[in-house]
Amino acid sequence: MADVRSPMAGTILELLVATGDSVSEGDELLILESMKMEIPVEAEEGGTVASIACEQGQPVQEDDVLLTLE
């Protein structure tokens, strides 16, 4: 399993995947808003979304686990 972590502090603007979705390397998983910029968070490897540890509107800190791929 691989954890997808927040690259910086911000707020979850939009989740683009759901538990059970298959993703490929480079697919956008969610949009993080930080300093009024929208930052896409991409999959570093392919897999299936095993769990989502955040929700839309939630503030996150750098290195927080956002979701897990298996």
C-alpha atoms as a PDB file:
ATOM      1  CA  MET A   1       0.000   0.000   0.000  1.00  0.00           C
ATOM      2  CA  ALA A   2       1.109   3.551  -0.694  1.00  0.00           C
ATOM      3  CA  ASP A   3       0.030   6.640   1.204  1.00  0.00           C
ATOM      4  CA  VAL A   4      -0.640   9.809  -0.763  1.00  0.00           C
ATOM      5  CA  ARG A   5       0.456  12.738   1.399  1.00  0.00           C
ATOM      6  CA  SER A   6      -0.237  16.452   1.272  1.00  0.00           C
ATOM      7  CA  PRO A   7       2.606  18.367  -0.410  1.00  0.00           C
ATOM      8  CA  MET A   8       1.788  21.494   1.652  1.00  0.00           C
ATOM      9  CA  ALA A   9      -0.663  22.950   4.141  1.00  0.00           C
ATOM     10  CA  GLY A  10      -4.015  23.904   2.653  1.00  0.00           C
ATOM     11  CA  THR A  11      -7.672  22.960   2.326  1.00  0.00           C
ATOM     12  CA  ILE A  12      -9.172  20.069   0.355  1.00  0.00           C
ATOM     13  CA  LEU A  13     -11.040  21.852  -2.434  1.00  0.00           C
ATOM     14  CA  GLU A  14     -12.323  18.802  -4.333  1.00  0.00           C
ATOM     15  CA  LEU A  15     -11.964  15.013  -4.191  1.00  0.00           C
ATOM     16  CA  LEU A  16     -11.736  13.542  -7.692  1.00  0.00           C
ATOM     17  CA  VAL A  17     -11.758   9.841  -6.724  1.00  0.00           C
ATOM     18  CA  ALA A  18     -13.759   7.504  -4.494  1.00  0.00           C
ATOM     19  CA  THR A  19     -12.854   4.361  -2.568  1.00  0.00           C
ATOM     20  CA  GLY A  20     -12.496   1.456  -4.997  1.00  0.00           C
ATOM     21  CA  ASP A  21     -11.564   3.605  -8.016  1.00  0.00           C
ATOM     22  CA  SER A  22      -8.637   2.420 -10.157  1.00  0.00           C
ATOM     23  CA  VAL A  23      -6.015   5.076 -10.869  1.00  0.00           C
ATOM     24  CA  SER A  24      -2.900   5.252 -13.020  1.00  0.00           C
ATOM     25  CA  GLU A  25       0.367   7.043 -12.359  1.00  0.00           C
ATOM     26  CA  GLY A  26      -0.157  10.769 -12.957  1.00  0.00           C
ATOM     27  CA  ASP A  27      -3.952  10.740 -12.490  1.00  0.00           C
ATOM     28  CA  GLU A  28      -5.289  13.671 -10.462  1.00  0.00           C
ATOM     29  CA  LEU A  29      -6.711  12.447  -7.147  1.00  0.00           C
ATOM     30  CA  LEU A  30      -7.787  15.697  -5.516  1.00  0.00           C
ATOM     31  CA  ILE A  31      -7.389  19.451  -5.652  1.00  0.00           C
ATOM     32  CA  LEU A  32      -5.734  21.211  -2.721  1.00  0.00           C
ATOM     33  CA  GLU A  33      -6.181  24.956  -2.218  1.00  0.00           C
ATOM     34  CA  SER A  34      -3.238  26.779  -0.678  1.00  0.00           C
ATOM     35  CA  MET A  35      -2.530  30.519  -0.693  1.00  0.00           C
ATOM     36  CA  LYS A  36      -5.489  31.004  -3.099  1.00  0.00           C
ATOM     37  CA  MET A  37      -3.890  28.606  -5.619  1.00  0.00           C
ATOM     38  CA  GLU A  38      -5.364  25.283  -6.740  1.00  0.00           C
ATOM     39  CA  ILE A  39      -2.783  22.490  -6.573  1.00  0.00           C
ATOM     40  CA  PRO A  40      -3.611  19.100  -8.116  1.00  0.00           C
ATOM     41  CA  VAL A  41      -2.375  16.086  -6.142  1.00  0.00           C
ATOM     42  CA  GLU A  42      -1.474  13.245  -8.516  1.00  0.00           C
ATOM     43  CA  ALA A  43      -0.949   9.516  -8.070  1.00  0.00           C
ATOM     44  CA  GLU A  44       2.755   8.655  -7.950  1.00  0.00           C
ATOM     45  CA  GLU A  45       1.898   5.064  -8.918  1.00  0.00           C
ATOM     46  CA  GLY A  46      -1.069   3.136 -10.226  1.00  0.00           C
ATOM     47  CA  GLY A  47      -3.439   1.178  -8.018  1.00  0.00           C
ATOM     48  CA  THR A  48      -6.855   1.136  -6.397  1.00  0.00           C
ATOM     49  CA  VAL A  49      -8.046   3.716  -3.870  1.00  0.00           C
ATOM     50  CA  ALA A  50      -8.182   1.694  -0.632  1.00  0.00           C
ATOM     51  CA  SER A  51      -9.200   4.491   1.734  1.00  0.00           C
ATOM     52  CA  ILE A  52      -9.714   8.241   1.825  1.00  0.00           C
ATOM     53  CA  ALA A  53      -8.556  10.038   4.978  1.00  0.00           C
ATOM     54  CA  CYS A  54      -9.850  13.517   4.144  1.00  0.00           C
ATOM     55  CA  GLU A  55     -13.017  15.247   3.004  1.00  0.00           C
ATOM     56  CA  GLN A  56     -13.885  18.318   0.994  1.00  0.00           C
ATOM     57  CA  GLY A  57     -13.345  21.523   2.974  1.00  0.00           C
ATOM     58  CA  GLN A  58     -10.999  19.888   5.480  1.00  0.00           C
ATOM     59  CA  PRO A  59      -7.798  21.766   6.376  1.00  0.00           C
ATOM     60  CA  VAL A  60      -4.638  19.642   6.102  1.00  0.00           C
ATOM     61  CA  GLN A  61      -1.005  20.115   7.039  1.00  0.00           C
ATOM     62  CA  GLU A  62       2.083  19.286   5.005  1.00  0.00           C
ATOM     63  CA  ASP A  63       2.744  15.510   4.973  1.00  0.00           C
ATOM     64  CA  ASP A  64      -0.762  14.544   6.240  1.00  0.00           C
ATOM     65  CA  VAL A  65      -2.009  11.263   4.732  1.00  0.00           C
ATOM     66  CA  LEU A  66      -4.806  12.125   2.282  1.00  0.00           C
ATOM     67  CA  LEU A  67      -5.585   8.681   0.885  1.00  0.00           C
ATOM     68  CA  THR A  68      -4.130   5.217   0.478  1.00  0.00           C
ATOM     69  CA  LEU A  69      -3.599   3.242  -2.728  1.00  0.00           C
ATOM     70  CA  GLU A  70      -3.189  -0.518  -2.873  1.00  0.00           C
END
